[in-house]
């Protein structure tokens, strides 16, 4: 068994590891890395027409032009409770 060969492999592995760390460090310094876009929550409508809740069909506080599944305040609260306590 040649100990010199093992030292060479360790040195090569360390060089690869150092290069990987340097690469990650340079990526982390980039300001756009893992930047999340600003997602604005829909604002409450000033007046009718209000969107219908997809669960109970009651009016929501959002305008009809809002895309996606709109929920009334009660259903929104219940949905938040269900997802928070899903254990």
N, C-alpha and C. Protein backbone atom coordinates (compact mmCIF):
# COMPACT_ATOMS: atom_id res chain seq x y z
N UNK A 1 0.83 -1.17 0.00
CA UNK A 1 0.00 0.00 0.00
C UNK A 1 0.88 1.24 0.00
N UNK A 2 0.67 2.17 -0.92
CA UNK A 2 1.51 3.34 -1.09
C UNK A 2 0.84 4.55 -0.47
N UNK A 3 1.41 5.06 0.65
CA UNK A 3 0.85 6.21 1.33
C UNK A 3 0.97 7.48 0.50
N UNK A 4 2.00 7.58 -0.33
CA UNK A 4 2.19 8.74 -1.19
C UNK A 4 1.02 8.91 -2.15
N UNK A 5 0.47 7.83 -2.64
CA UNK A 5 -0.65 7.87 -3.57
C UNK A 5 -1.90 8.38 -2.87
N UNK A 6 -2.10 7.97 -1.62
CA UNK A 6 -3.26 8.44 -0.87
C UNK A 6 -3.18 9.94 -0.61
N UNK A 7 -1.99 10.45 -0.32
CA UNK A 7 -1.81 11.88 -0.11
C UNK A 7 -2.12 12.67 -1.37
N UNK A 8 -1.72 12.14 -2.53
CA UNK A 8 -2.02 12.81 -3.79
C UNK A 8 -3.52 12.88 -4.02
N UNK A 9 -4.23 11.77 -3.73
CA UNK A 9 -5.69 11.76 -3.90
C UNK A 9 -6.35 12.74 -2.95
N UNK A 10 -5.86 12.81 -1.70
CA UNK A 10 -6.41 13.75 -0.74
C UNK A 10 -6.19 15.20 -1.20
N UNK A 11 -4.99 15.49 -1.70
CA UNK A 11 -4.68 16.84 -2.18
C UNK A 11 -5.56 17.21 -3.36
N UNK A 12 -5.77 16.25 -4.27
CA UNK A 12 -6.63 16.50 -5.43
C UNK A 12 -8.07 16.74 -5.00
N UNK A 13 -8.54 15.93 -4.06
CA UNK A 13 -9.90 16.10 -3.55
C UNK A 13 -10.05 17.45 -2.86
N UNK A 14 -9.03 17.88 -2.12
CA UNK A 14 -9.08 19.18 -1.45
C UNK A 14 -9.12 20.31 -2.47
N UNK A 15 -8.34 20.17 -3.57
CA UNK A 15 -8.36 21.18 -4.62
C UNK A 15 -9.75 21.29 -5.25
N UNK A 16 -10.38 20.15 -5.50
CA UNK A 16 -11.73 20.14 -6.07
C UNK A 16 -12.71 20.78 -5.09
N UNK A 17 -12.58 20.45 -3.83
CA UNK A 17 -13.45 21.01 -2.80
C UNK A 17 -13.27 22.52 -2.69
N UNK A 18 -12.02 22.99 -2.72
CA UNK A 18 -11.74 24.43 -2.65
C UNK A 18 -12.34 25.16 -3.85
N UNK A 19 -12.26 24.54 -5.03
CA UNK A 19 -12.82 25.14 -6.24
C UNK A 19 -14.33 25.24 -6.14
N UNK A 20 -14.95 24.22 -5.59
CA UNK A 20 -16.41 24.22 -5.43
C UNK A 20 -16.84 25.31 -4.45
N UNK A 21 -16.12 25.46 -3.36
CA UNK A 21 -16.44 26.49 -2.37
C UNK A 21 -16.27 27.87 -2.99
N UNK A 22 -15.22 28.07 -3.75
CA UNK A 22 -14.99 29.36 -4.40
C UNK A 22 -16.10 29.66 -5.39
N UNK A 23 -16.57 28.64 -6.11
CA UNK A 23 -17.66 28.82 -7.06
C UNK A 23 -18.94 29.23 -6.36
N UNK A 24 -19.25 28.58 -5.26
CA UNK A 24 -20.45 28.91 -4.50
C UNK A 24 -20.34 30.31 -3.92
N UNK A 25 -19.16 30.67 -3.43
CA UNK A 25 -18.96 32.00 -2.85
C UNK A 25 -19.15 33.08 -3.91
N UNK A 26 -18.68 32.83 -5.14
CA UNK A 26 -18.85 33.84 -6.19
C UNK A 26 -20.31 33.93 -6.61
N UNK A 27 -21.03 32.80 -6.58
CA UNK A 27 -22.46 32.83 -6.90
C UNK A 27 -23.23 33.59 -5.84
N UNK A 28 -22.86 33.44 -4.58
CA UNK A 28 -23.56 34.09 -3.48
C UNK A 28 -23.39 35.60 -3.54
N UNK A 29 -22.27 36.07 -4.09
CA UNK A 29 -22.05 37.50 -4.17
C UNK A 29 -22.88 38.14 -5.27
N UNK A 30 -23.39 37.36 -6.19
CA UNK A 30 -24.23 37.87 -7.26
C UNK A 30 -25.57 38.28 -6.66
N UNK A 31 -25.96 39.53 -6.86
CA UNK A 31 -27.16 40.07 -6.22
C UNK A 31 -28.44 39.39 -6.71
N UNK A 32 -28.45 38.89 -7.94
CA UNK A 32 -29.68 38.31 -8.49
C UNK A 32 -29.84 36.83 -8.15
N UNK A 33 -28.86 36.25 -7.48
CA UNK A 33 -28.93 34.82 -7.16
C UNK A 33 -30.03 34.56 -6.16
N UNK A 34 -30.95 33.69 -6.49
CA UNK A 34 -32.06 33.31 -5.62
C UNK A 34 -32.95 34.50 -5.25
N UNK A 35 -33.00 35.47 -6.09
CA UNK A 35 -33.86 36.62 -5.82
C UNK A 35 -35.29 36.24 -6.12
N UNK A 36 -36.18 36.53 -5.19
CA UNK A 36 -37.59 36.21 -5.41
C UNK A 36 -38.29 37.45 -5.95
N UNK A 37 -39.15 37.26 -6.92
CA UNK A 37 -39.87 38.41 -7.46
C UNK A 37 -40.88 38.93 -6.44
N UNK A 38 -41.15 40.22 -6.52
CA UNK A 38 -42.15 40.81 -5.64
C UNK A 38 -43.52 40.36 -6.12
N UNK A 39 -44.24 39.67 -5.26
CA UNK A 39 -45.57 39.24 -5.63
C UNK A 39 -46.56 40.04 -4.79
N UNK A 40 -47.26 40.88 -5.45
CA UNK A 40 -48.23 41.73 -4.77
C UNK A 40 -49.52 40.95 -4.56
N UNK A 41 -49.99 40.96 -3.35
CA UNK A 41 -51.27 40.32 -3.05
C UNK A 41 -52.38 41.17 -3.65
N UNK A 42 -53.46 40.54 -4.07
CA UNK A 42 -54.54 41.33 -4.65
C UNK A 42 -55.10 42.30 -3.61
N UNK A 43 -55.40 43.49 -4.06
CA UNK A 43 -55.95 44.49 -3.14
C UNK A 43 -57.46 44.36 -3.09
N UNK A 44 -58.03 44.79 -2.00
CA UNK A 44 -59.49 44.73 -1.82
C UNK A 44 -60.15 45.67 -2.82
N UNK A 45 -61.30 45.27 -3.29
CA UNK A 45 -62.04 46.06 -4.26
C UNK A 45 -62.72 47.23 -3.55
N UNK A 46 -62.80 48.36 -4.26
CA UNK A 46 -63.45 49.54 -3.69
C UNK A 46 -64.97 49.39 -3.67
N UNK A 47 -65.50 48.62 -4.58
CA UNK A 47 -66.95 48.44 -4.64
C UNK A 47 -67.28 47.28 -5.55
N UNK A 48 -68.57 46.99 -5.72
CA UNK A 48 -68.97 45.87 -6.56
C UNK A 48 -68.46 46.04 -7.98
N UNK A 49 -68.31 45.03 -8.75
CA UNK A 49 -68.65 43.64 -8.50
C UNK A 49 -67.52 42.91 -7.77
N UNK A 50 -67.88 42.14 -6.78
CA UNK A 50 -66.93 41.35 -6.02
C UNK A 50 -66.87 39.93 -6.58
N UNK A 51 -65.70 39.32 -6.48
CA UNK A 51 -65.55 37.93 -6.92
C UNK A 51 -66.29 37.02 -5.96
N UNK A 52 -66.71 35.87 -6.46
CA UNK A 52 -67.43 34.89 -5.65
C UNK A 52 -66.43 33.91 -5.03
N UNK A 53 -66.65 33.53 -3.78
CA UNK A 53 -65.80 32.54 -3.12
C UNK A 53 -65.97 31.20 -3.85
N UNK A 54 -64.87 30.53 -4.12
CA UNK A 54 -64.95 29.27 -4.86
C UNK A 54 -65.45 28.12 -3.99
N UNK A 55 -65.49 28.30 -2.68
CA UNK A 55 -65.96 27.23 -1.80
C UNK A 55 -67.42 27.42 -1.39
N UNK A 56 -67.78 28.62 -0.93
CA UNK A 56 -69.14 28.81 -0.41
C UNK A 56 -69.99 29.73 -1.27
N UNK A 57 -69.42 30.32 -2.30
CA UNK A 57 -70.09 31.18 -3.27
C UNK A 57 -70.54 32.51 -2.68
N UNK A 58 -70.08 32.88 -1.49
CA UNK A 58 -70.37 34.20 -0.93
C UNK A 58 -69.43 35.22 -1.56
N UNK A 59 -69.79 36.52 -1.53
CA UNK A 59 -68.89 37.52 -2.10
C UNK A 59 -67.59 37.62 -1.30
N UNK A 60 -66.51 37.86 -2.00
CA UNK A 60 -65.21 38.04 -1.35
C UNK A 60 -64.92 39.53 -1.27
N UNK A 61 -63.76 39.87 -0.76
CA UNK A 61 -63.36 41.28 -0.73
C UNK A 61 -62.52 41.65 -1.96
N UNK A 62 -62.42 40.74 -2.93
CA UNK A 62 -61.61 40.97 -4.12
C UNK A 62 -62.49 41.26 -5.33
N UNK A 63 -61.99 42.05 -6.27
CA UNK A 63 -62.78 42.33 -7.48
C UNK A 63 -62.87 41.08 -8.36
N UNK A 64 -63.83 41.06 -9.25
CA UNK A 64 -64.01 39.92 -10.15
C UNK A 64 -62.83 39.74 -11.09
N UNK A 65 -62.04 40.77 -11.29
CA UNK A 65 -60.92 40.69 -12.23
C UNK A 65 -59.73 39.91 -11.67
N UNK A 66 -59.74 39.56 -10.38
CA UNK A 66 -58.63 38.81 -9.77
C UNK A 66 -58.63 37.39 -10.32
N UNK A 67 -57.45 36.95 -10.78
CA UNK A 67 -57.34 35.59 -11.31
C UNK A 67 -57.02 34.62 -10.18
N UNK A 68 -57.40 33.39 -10.34
CA UNK A 68 -57.10 32.36 -9.35
C UNK A 68 -58.29 32.06 -8.47
N UNK A 69 -58.06 31.25 -7.47
CA UNK A 69 -59.12 30.82 -6.55
C UNK A 69 -59.30 31.88 -5.47
N UNK A 70 -60.38 32.61 -5.54
CA UNK A 70 -60.66 33.64 -4.53
C UNK A 70 -61.52 33.03 -3.43
N UNK A 71 -61.18 33.37 -2.20
CA UNK A 71 -61.91 32.87 -1.04
C UNK A 71 -62.45 34.04 -0.23
N UNK A 72 -63.62 33.83 0.39
CA UNK A 72 -64.15 34.84 1.30
C UNK A 72 -63.30 34.82 2.57
N UNK A 73 -63.40 35.84 3.42
CA UNK A 73 -62.57 35.87 4.63
C UNK A 73 -62.74 34.64 5.53
N UNK A 74 -63.95 34.12 5.65
CA UNK A 74 -64.18 32.95 6.51
C UNK A 74 -63.48 31.71 5.92
N UNK A 75 -63.65 31.47 4.64
CA UNK A 75 -63.02 30.31 4.01
C UNK A 75 -61.50 30.47 3.98
N UNK A 76 -61.01 31.71 3.80
CA UNK A 76 -59.56 31.96 3.84
C UNK A 76 -59.01 31.58 5.21
N UNK A 77 -59.71 31.98 6.26
CA UNK A 77 -59.27 31.67 7.63
C UNK A 77 -59.27 30.16 7.87
N UNK A 78 -60.35 29.49 7.45
CA UNK A 78 -60.44 28.04 7.63
C UNK A 78 -59.34 27.30 6.84
N UNK A 79 -59.06 27.78 5.64
CA UNK A 79 -58.01 27.16 4.83
C UNK A 79 -56.65 27.35 5.49
N UNK A 80 -56.41 28.52 6.06
CA UNK A 80 -55.15 28.77 6.76
C UNK A 80 -55.02 27.88 7.98
N UNK A 81 -56.11 27.65 8.71
CA UNK A 81 -56.09 26.74 9.87
C UNK A 81 -55.77 25.31 9.43
N UNK A 82 -56.40 24.87 8.33
CA UNK A 82 -56.17 23.50 7.86
C UNK A 82 -54.72 23.29 7.46
N UNK A 83 -54.16 24.23 6.74
CA UNK A 83 -52.79 24.06 6.26
C UNK A 83 -51.76 24.24 7.38
N UNK A 84 -52.05 25.09 8.36
CA UNK A 84 -51.12 25.33 9.45
C UNK A 84 -51.05 24.14 10.39
N UNK A 85 -52.13 23.43 10.58
CA UNK A 85 -52.19 22.34 11.54
C UNK A 85 -52.15 20.97 10.87
N UNK A 86 -51.53 20.91 9.69
CA UNK A 86 -51.54 19.63 8.97
C UNK A 86 -50.48 18.66 9.48
N UNK A 87 -49.73 19.07 10.50
CA UNK A 87 -48.87 18.27 11.27
C UNK A 87 -47.76 17.56 10.73
